[in-house]
Amino acid sequence: MNPLILFSFIQINLFFIFKYDILFPYVFSLFNLNFSLSSLNSYFLFFVIFSFHVFFIYLYNCYFIYKYINNYHANYLLKATNKYDIEEHESERIIKRNEFDEEIDNLDNLIKTRNDGNKGVFGPDDAIWIVARESCCFMGGGRAVLLQFAHPYVVSGVVQHSNVARDVQKRFYNTFDAVFKMTFGELKEAEKSANIVRKIHDRINGKIESESFPFSEDHLYTAHHEGGLIWVFSTLVETALFFFEMMVRNLSYEEKDGVYQNQKQFARYFGISLSSLPEDYKGFEQYVANMWTGDIITVNPTARVAANDLFNPTTFVAKYAMKWSKLATHCILPPSVLDGYQKKLSLFDKLNVYSGFAVLRMIYKVLPPELRYLTAYFRAEERTTNIKRNKFLIKFANAFGHWLSHDILMNPSMNQKK
């Protein structure tokens, strides 16, 4: 039986015991105590029972978070079939401009054959919207970044060609704006965002700064390397599903495969060919596990410095909020990657994270859609369906989200001076 249902049944019985003095007068008489629970105020009684109920749900969620995080990575690693080695990595193609254009044309043809009036790549019936619309997936932003930094190509490109440390807000706004347009927007604006990203990647070439086995110190890299792009794409997919299942609900294999099949179409915005991606979600899980256990994902000194330089605000509230956020990010990293960043977590640190996620999960699960879903999703929903939403709640959520992202998570005080 579900423990919440069982406990609710027990509480109903306790309520009648408290309310009508069925048991306690007899118990107290055994100890010659003159006490009557019926004299208690009904509102206070309700508050006590309700508080006890909430506390039980809190403990249940703490246990759930503990089991979920600890089992997740262990179960994932069991799916590893072989290590993703340097030979396989180096054999992958560099995506040329004509190949990129070809994938965009394929997406255009996909929409033309659908004939449902939706001018976007995805629609209400696509599984990707069910996951991507949830704002809780933003909690995985730090995890995805640190996983990406573990790839020497990615961290070298960010450090050598990006001003992310000097303007955190602009960098992350541009990134998420492009992702939202590709996921929820019409094809024309999605194509425009994809071309902007392509032009940015055109100038990201160079040499790896620090030696990272199996890469030499002067190893050449480019942002158009398909293996590197697939890894970045995979961190976004895997982290989004990780947080959705932790904060919302479990997904069946069929649902996960549906999300993955949609995400494969999303990968074409970067010129990644469908033939280069795992065929189904099972193959995707094996690829991620092989990357975690292989030699390519190597947290080098450049990655450790880059990770430490990000997200260090100085204002009081932002400082302590980000302190917990960074601790939580470290707690949900795969153990091998966490070791690479040379981070050690105490039992108190883990309990702190489990407790925090438990509270967030309790709150998040009872919020209405207007306070949970992304604004970009509501715009797409308005374009493709006749569903009516509470505009006031959406505006409130936008205002709160702007304050949380701009003043807390992306506080200007964390920008490094030039």
Foldseek 3Di string as FASTA:
>chain_A
DPVLVVVVVVLVVVLCCLQPVPDVVVVVVVVPDDDHSNPDDPVVVVVVSVVVSVVVLLVVLLVLLVCLLVVVLVVLLVLADAADAPVNLVVFDQQDPVLLVVLLVVLQVCVVVVPQQAQASDAPVFLQCVLQFFPLLVLCVLLLVLQLLLFLQRLLLCVPQHQCQQAVPVVVVLVVVLVLCNVQNGSVVNLVSLVVVVVSQVPRKAARCPQAPPRGRRRIHGSRRLVSLVSSLLSSLVSSQSRCCSQEHDDDQVSSFSSVVSSLSSSSSSSHDSVVDDPTVSSSSNVVSSHLPHRRRANDPSSLVVSVLPQCADDDQQRVVSVLSVLLSLSNHNPSSSVRNVDDDDPVSSSSNSSVSSVVSVVQHPDDSLLTTDPSNVVSCVVNHDDDDDPVSNVVNVVVVCCCVDCHRRDSRSRDDD
